[in-house]
């Protein structure tokens, strides 16, 4: 038990670096532990009796649904619009790659993962 306690303390310390598995119910939901308990003992315990915390994504606001519907379903008929979008995309890539030549710009655009180079 002492070894597990020490391991758990290290996991809690790692939480400040983004490690979240110590919060088991947030990771897998209470339903997971209900099923494990039921499989092992054949009985329901207090976790089962707890108010269920839903891990189902709530319905988005109407404005978000409208935007996503527009983005997903709108059919662009104009070849000029496609050409313009393609040129803007290529220009963005070119500018980003050109910026990598300058250390000041490189610091601004990456990396975003701490400790990566």
N, C-alpha and C. Protein backbone atom coordinates (compact mmCIF):
# COMPACT_ATOMS: atom_id res chain seq x y z
N UNK A 1 0.82 -1.19 0.00
CA UNK A 1 0.00 0.00 0.00
C UNK A 1 0.87 1.26 0.00
N UNK A 2 2.00 1.21 0.67
CA UNK A 2 2.90 2.35 0.71
C UNK A 2 3.40 2.69 -0.69
N UNK A 3 3.74 1.67 -1.47
CA UNK A 3 4.23 1.91 -2.84
C UNK A 3 3.16 2.57 -3.68
N UNK A 4 1.91 2.13 -3.54
CA UNK A 4 0.82 2.74 -4.31
C UNK A 4 0.62 4.19 -3.88
N UNK A 5 0.70 4.44 -2.59
CA UNK A 5 0.55 5.80 -2.08
C UNK A 5 1.64 6.71 -2.65
N UNK A 6 2.87 6.22 -2.70
CA UNK A 6 3.96 7.01 -3.27
C UNK A 6 3.74 7.26 -4.75
N UNK A 7 3.29 6.24 -5.48
CA UNK A 7 3.00 6.41 -6.90
C UNK A 7 1.91 7.44 -7.11
N UNK A 8 0.88 7.36 -6.28
CA UNK A 8 -0.22 8.30 -6.41
C UNK A 8 0.24 9.73 -6.11
N UNK A 9 1.12 9.91 -5.14
CA UNK A 9 1.65 11.24 -4.85
C UNK A 9 2.41 11.79 -6.05
N UNK A 10 3.19 10.94 -6.72
CA UNK A 10 3.91 11.38 -7.92
C UNK A 10 2.94 11.76 -9.03
N UNK A 11 1.84 11.01 -9.14
CA UNK A 11 0.83 11.34 -10.15
C UNK A 11 0.18 12.68 -9.84
N UNK A 12 -0.10 12.94 -8.56
CA UNK A 12 -0.67 14.23 -8.20
C UNK A 12 0.31 15.36 -8.51
N UNK A 13 1.59 15.14 -8.29
CA UNK A 13 2.60 16.15 -8.62
C UNK A 13 2.65 16.40 -10.13
N UNK A 14 2.43 15.35 -10.92
CA UNK A 14 2.47 15.47 -12.39
C UNK A 14 1.25 16.19 -12.94
N UNK A 15 0.25 16.39 -12.10
CA UNK A 15 -0.98 17.04 -12.55
C UNK A 15 -0.72 18.45 -13.07
N UNK A 16 0.24 19.16 -12.46
CA UNK A 16 0.54 20.52 -12.92
C UNK A 16 1.15 20.53 -14.31
N UNK A 17 1.60 19.38 -14.81
CA UNK A 17 2.16 19.28 -16.16
C UNK A 17 1.14 18.69 -17.14
N UNK A 18 -0.12 18.60 -16.70
CA UNK A 18 -1.17 18.13 -17.60
C UNK A 18 -1.59 16.69 -17.43
N UNK A 19 -0.99 15.96 -16.50
CA UNK A 19 -1.37 14.57 -16.26
C UNK A 19 -2.71 14.56 -15.53
N UNK A 20 -3.71 13.95 -16.14
CA UNK A 20 -5.06 14.01 -15.57
C UNK A 20 -5.61 12.68 -15.11
N UNK A 21 -4.88 11.60 -15.29
CA UNK A 21 -5.44 10.28 -14.98
C UNK A 21 -5.71 10.07 -13.50
N UNK A 22 -5.18 10.92 -12.62
CA UNK A 22 -5.46 10.76 -11.20
C UNK A 22 -6.91 11.12 -10.88
N UNK A 23 -7.54 11.79 -11.77
CA UNK A 23 -8.95 12.13 -11.61
C UNK A 23 -9.76 11.12 -12.43
N UNK A 24 -9.75 9.88 -11.97
CA UNK A 24 -10.28 8.76 -12.74
C UNK A 24 -11.72 8.97 -13.21
N UNK A 25 -12.55 9.49 -12.34
CA UNK A 25 -13.95 9.64 -12.73
C UNK A 25 -14.12 10.66 -13.83
N UNK A 26 -13.26 11.67 -13.86
CA UNK A 26 -13.31 12.63 -14.95
C UNK A 26 -12.84 12.00 -16.25
N UNK A 27 -11.89 11.07 -16.16
CA UNK A 27 -11.33 10.43 -17.36
C UNK A 27 -12.30 9.45 -17.99
N UNK A 28 -12.91 8.60 -17.20
CA UNK A 28 -13.73 7.52 -17.75
C UNK A 28 -15.19 7.60 -17.34
N UNK A 29 -15.54 8.49 -16.44
CA UNK A 29 -16.92 8.59 -15.98
C UNK A 29 -17.21 7.56 -14.91
N UNK A 30 -18.25 7.81 -14.13
CA UNK A 30 -18.58 6.89 -13.05
C UNK A 30 -19.11 5.57 -13.57
N UNK A 31 -19.68 5.57 -14.75
CA UNK A 31 -20.25 4.35 -15.32
C UNK A 31 -19.23 3.24 -15.46
N UNK A 32 -18.00 3.59 -15.77
CA UNK A 32 -16.93 2.61 -15.93
C UNK A 32 -16.72 1.85 -14.62
N UNK A 33 -16.65 2.57 -13.51
CA UNK A 33 -16.42 1.94 -12.21
C UNK A 33 -17.63 1.13 -11.77
N UNK A 34 -18.83 1.57 -12.17
CA UNK A 34 -20.02 0.78 -11.88
C UNK A 34 -19.91 -0.59 -12.53
N UNK A 35 -19.51 -0.61 -13.80
CA UNK A 35 -19.41 -1.87 -14.52
C UNK A 35 -18.32 -2.77 -13.95
N UNK A 36 -17.19 -2.18 -13.56
CA UNK A 36 -16.11 -2.97 -12.96
C UNK A 36 -16.59 -3.58 -11.64
N UNK A 37 -17.22 -2.77 -10.81
CA UNK A 37 -17.72 -3.25 -9.52
C UNK A 37 -18.75 -4.36 -9.73
N UNK A 38 -19.66 -4.16 -10.67
CA UNK A 38 -20.68 -5.17 -10.94
C UNK A 38 -20.06 -6.46 -11.45
N UNK A 39 -19.05 -6.35 -12.32
CA UNK A 39 -18.40 -7.54 -12.88
C UNK A 39 -17.66 -8.33 -11.81
N UNK A 40 -17.03 -7.63 -10.88
CA UNK A 40 -16.23 -8.31 -9.85
C UNK A 40 -17.12 -8.91 -8.76
N UNK A 41 -18.10 -8.15 -8.31
CA UNK A 41 -18.86 -8.58 -7.14
C UNK A 41 -20.27 -9.06 -7.45
N UNK A 42 -20.78 -8.66 -8.59
CA UNK A 42 -22.17 -8.99 -8.90
C UNK A 42 -23.15 -8.10 -8.16
N UNK A 43 -22.66 -7.07 -7.46
CA UNK A 43 -23.51 -6.17 -6.69
C UNK A 43 -23.23 -4.73 -7.08
N UNK A 44 -24.22 -3.89 -6.86
CA UNK A 44 -24.05 -2.46 -7.10
C UNK A 44 -23.59 -1.79 -5.80
N UNK A 45 -22.62 -0.88 -5.89
CA UNK A 45 -22.14 -0.18 -4.71
C UNK A 45 -22.39 1.31 -4.85
N UNK A 46 -21.76 2.08 -3.96
CA UNK A 46 -22.06 3.50 -3.85
C UNK A 46 -21.78 4.28 -5.12
N UNK A 47 -20.79 3.86 -5.90
CA UNK A 47 -20.52 4.60 -7.14
C UNK A 47 -21.74 4.53 -8.04
N UNK A 48 -22.39 3.38 -8.04
CA UNK A 48 -23.58 3.22 -8.86
C UNK A 48 -24.69 4.14 -8.37
N UNK A 49 -24.74 4.35 -7.07
CA UNK A 49 -25.81 5.15 -6.49
C UNK A 49 -25.55 6.65 -6.61
N UNK A 50 -24.31 7.01 -6.94
CA UNK A 50 -23.99 8.43 -7.09
C UNK A 50 -24.74 9.00 -8.27
N UNK A 51 -25.00 10.29 -8.21
CA UNK A 51 -25.61 10.95 -9.36
C UNK A 51 -24.66 10.78 -10.54
N UNK A 52 -25.19 10.34 -11.66
CA UNK A 52 -24.35 10.10 -12.83
C UNK A 52 -23.85 11.43 -13.40
N UNK A 53 -22.58 11.45 -13.73
CA UNK A 53 -21.97 12.60 -14.39
C UNK A 53 -21.89 12.24 -15.86
N UNK A 54 -22.57 13.00 -16.66
CA UNK A 54 -22.63 12.68 -18.08
C UNK A 54 -21.35 13.11 -18.78
N UNK A 55 -20.83 12.23 -19.62
CA UNK A 55 -19.69 12.60 -20.44
C UNK A 55 -20.12 12.79 -21.89
N UNK A 56 -21.43 12.95 -22.09
CA UNK A 56 -21.96 13.20 -23.42
C UNK A 56 -21.91 14.70 -23.67
N UNK A 57 -21.42 15.07 -24.85
CA UNK A 57 -21.31 16.48 -25.20
C UNK A 57 -22.70 17.11 -25.24
N UNK A 58 -22.89 18.26 -24.58
CA UNK A 58 -24.20 18.92 -24.63
C UNK A 58 -24.48 19.46 -26.04
N UNK A 59 -25.74 19.68 -26.32
CA UNK A 59 -26.13 20.23 -27.62
C UNK A 59 -25.57 21.65 -27.72
N UNK A 60 -24.98 21.95 -28.87
CA UNK A 60 -24.37 23.27 -29.09
C UNK A 60 -25.45 24.33 -29.22
N UNK A 61 -25.06 25.58 -28.98
CA UNK A 61 -25.97 26.70 -29.17
C UNK A 61 -26.41 26.76 -30.62
N UNK A 62 -27.55 27.39 -30.87
CA UNK A 62 -28.10 27.47 -32.22
C UNK A 62 -27.13 28.15 -33.17
N UNK A 63 -26.48 29.20 -32.74
CA UNK A 63 -25.55 29.92 -33.63
C UNK A 63 -24.40 29.01 -34.07
N UNK A 64 -23.89 28.19 -33.16
CA UNK A 64 -22.82 27.25 -33.52
C UNK A 64 -23.32 26.18 -34.48
N UNK A 65 -24.55 25.71 -34.26
CA UNK A 65 -25.12 24.73 -35.19
C UNK A 65 -25.32 25.33 -36.57
N UNK A 66 -25.77 26.60 -36.61
CA UNK A 66 -25.97 27.27 -37.90
C UNK A 66 -24.64 27.45 -38.63
N UNK A 67 -23.60 27.86 -37.91
CA UNK A 67 -22.29 28.06 -38.53
C UNK A 67 -21.75 26.74 -39.06
N UNK A 68 -21.83 25.69 -38.24
CA UNK A 68 -21.30 24.41 -38.69
C UNK A 68 -22.10 23.85 -39.86
N UNK A 69 -23.39 24.07 -39.86
CA UNK A 69 -24.22 23.63 -40.99
C UNK A 69 -23.82 24.38 -42.26
N UNK A 70 -23.60 25.68 -42.13
CA UNK A 70 -23.19 26.48 -43.29
C UNK A 70 -21.84 26.00 -43.82
N UNK A 71 -20.88 25.81 -42.93
CA UNK A 71 -19.54 25.39 -43.34
C UNK A 71 -19.59 24.01 -43.98
N UNK A 72 -20.38 23.13 -43.42
CA UNK A 72 -20.42 21.74 -43.91
C UNK A 72 -21.27 21.58 -45.17
N UNK A 73 -22.38 22.31 -45.27
CA UNK A 73 -23.35 22.05 -46.33
C UNK A 73 -23.33 23.03 -47.50
N UNK A 74 -22.77 24.22 -47.31
CA UNK A 74 -22.81 25.22 -48.38
C UNK A 74 -21.95 24.77 -49.56
N UNK A 75 -22.51 24.82 -50.75
CA UNK A 75 -21.79 24.41 -51.96
C UNK A 75 -21.29 25.66 -52.69
N UNK A 76 -19.99 25.76 -52.83
CA UNK A 76 -19.39 26.88 -53.55
C UNK A 76 -19.47 26.58 -55.04
N UNK A 77 -20.09 27.48 -55.78
CA UNK A 77 -20.29 27.29 -57.21
C UNK A 77 -19.28 28.07 -58.05
N UNK A 78 -18.62 29.03 -57.45
CA UNK A 78 -17.74 29.94 -58.18
C UNK A 78 -16.32 29.38 -58.27
N UNK A 79 -15.82 29.25 -59.49
CA UNK A 79 -14.43 28.81 -59.65
C UNK A 79 -13.48 29.91 -59.20
N UNK A 80 -13.90 31.17 -59.31
CA UNK A 80 -13.08 32.28 -58.84
C UNK A 80 -12.87 32.19 -57.32
N UNK A 81 -13.91 31.81 -56.59
CA UNK A 81 -13.79 31.67 -55.13
C UNK A 81 -12.79 30.57 -54.77
N UNK A 82 -12.84 29.44 -55.48
CA UNK A 82 -11.89 28.36 -55.24
C UNK A 82 -10.46 28.80 -55.57
N UNK A 83 -10.29 29.49 -56.69
CA UNK A 83 -8.96 29.96 -57.07
C UNK A 83 -8.41 30.94 -56.05
N UNK A 84 -9.26 31.87 -55.60
CA UNK A 84 -8.84 32.85 -54.60
C UNK A 84 -8.44 32.17 -53.29
N UNK A 85 -9.25 31.22 -52.85
CA UNK A 85 -8.94 30.50 -51.61
C UNK A 85 -7.64 29.72 -51.74
N UNK A 86 -7.42 29.09 -52.89
CA UNK A 86 -6.18 28.33 -53.12
C UNK A 86 -4.97 29.25 -53.07
N UNK A 87 -5.08 30.42 -53.71
CA UNK A 87 -3.96 31.37 -53.72
C UNK A 87 -3.69 31.92 -52.32
N UNK A 88 -4.75 32.20 -51.56
CA UNK A 88 -4.57 32.68 -50.18
C UNK A 88 -3.88 31.62 -49.33
N UNK A 89 -4.28 30.37 -49.50
CA UNK A 89 -3.68 29.27 -48.74
C UNK A 89 -2.20 29.13 -49.09
N UNK A 90 -1.88 29.15 -50.38
CA UNK A 90 -0.48 29.02 -50.80
C UNK A 90 0.35 30.20 -50.31
N UNK A 91 -0.23 31.40 -50.34
CA UNK A 91 0.48 32.59 -49.86
C UNK A 91 0.76 32.46 -48.36
N UNK A 92 -0.20 31.96 -47.61
CA UNK A 92 -0.02 31.77 -46.17
C UNK A 92 1.10 30.78 -45.88
N UNK A 93 1.09 29.66 -46.61
CA UNK A 93 2.16 28.68 -46.44
C UNK A 93 3.52 29.27 -46.79
N UNK A 94 3.57 30.00 -47.90
CA UNK A 94 4.84 30.61 -48.33
C UNK A 94 5.36 31.61 -47.32
N UNK A 95 4.48 32.44 -46.79
CA UNK A 95 4.90 33.42 -45.78
C UNK A 95 5.40 32.73 -44.51
N UNK A 96 4.69 31.68 -44.10
CA UNK A 96 5.12 30.94 -42.90
C UNK A 96 6.47 30.30 -43.08
N UNK A 97 6.70 29.70 -44.24
CA UNK A 97 7.99 29.07 -44.50
C UNK A 97 9.10 30.11 -44.62
N UNK A 98 8.82 31.23 -45.26
CA UNK A 98 9.80 32.30 -45.38
C UNK A 98 10.16 32.86 -44.01
N UNK A 99 9.17 32.95 -43.13
CA UNK A 99 9.40 33.49 -41.78
C UNK A 99 10.36 32.62 -40.97
N UNK A 100 10.46 31.34 -41.31
CA UNK A 100 11.36 30.45 -40.57
C UNK A 100 12.83 30.84 -40.74
N UNK A 101 13.14 31.68 -41.70
CA UNK A 101 14.51 32.14 -41.90
C UNK A 101 14.94 33.16 -40.84
N UNK A 102 13.97 33.72 -40.13
CA UNK A 102 14.25 34.79 -39.19
C UNK A 102 13.96 34.33 -37.76
N UNK A 103 14.98 34.37 -36.87
CA UNK A 103 14.80 33.88 -35.49
C UNK A 103 13.65 34.57 -34.74
N UNK A 104 13.46 35.87 -34.99
CA UNK A 104 12.37 36.58 -34.30
C UNK A 104 11.02 35.97 -34.66
N UNK A 105 10.84 35.65 -35.92
CA UNK A 105 9.57 35.05 -36.37
C UNK A 105 9.45 33.61 -35.89
N UNK A 106 10.55 32.89 -35.91
CA UNK A 106 10.53 31.49 -35.48
C UNK A 106 10.06 31.38 -34.04
N UNK A 107 10.49 32.32 -33.19
CA UNK A 107 10.06 32.30 -31.79
C UNK A 107 8.55 32.53 -31.68
N UNK A 108 7.99 33.29 -32.60
CA UNK A 108 6.56 33.58 -32.54
C UNK A 108 5.69 32.43 -33.05
N UNK A 109 6.19 31.67 -34.02
CA UNK A 109 5.33 30.67 -34.64
C UNK A 109 5.58 29.25 -34.16
N UNK A 110 6.50 29.01 -33.31
CA UNK A 110 6.65 27.64 -32.85
C UNK A 110 7.88 27.45 -32.03
N UNK A 111 8.03 26.34 -31.41
CA UNK A 111 7.02 25.29 -31.23
C UNK A 111 6.05 25.65 -30.12
N UNK A 112 4.91 25.01 -30.09
CA UNK A 112 3.93 25.31 -29.05
C UNK A 112 3.96 24.30 -27.91
N UNK A 113 4.70 23.22 -28.07
CA UNK A 113 4.82 22.21 -27.02
C UNK A 113 6.02 22.56 -26.15
N UNK A 114 5.83 22.75 -24.85
CA UNK A 114 6.95 23.09 -23.98
C UNK A 114 8.06 22.05 -24.06
N UNK A 115 9.29 22.51 -24.22
CA UNK A 115 10.44 21.62 -24.27
C UNK A 115 10.79 21.13 -25.67
N UNK A 116 9.90 21.34 -26.64
CA UNK A 116 10.19 20.92 -28.01
C UNK A 116 11.07 21.96 -28.68
N UNK A 117 11.84 21.53 -29.66
CA UNK A 117 12.71 22.48 -30.38
C UNK A 117 12.41 22.44 -31.86
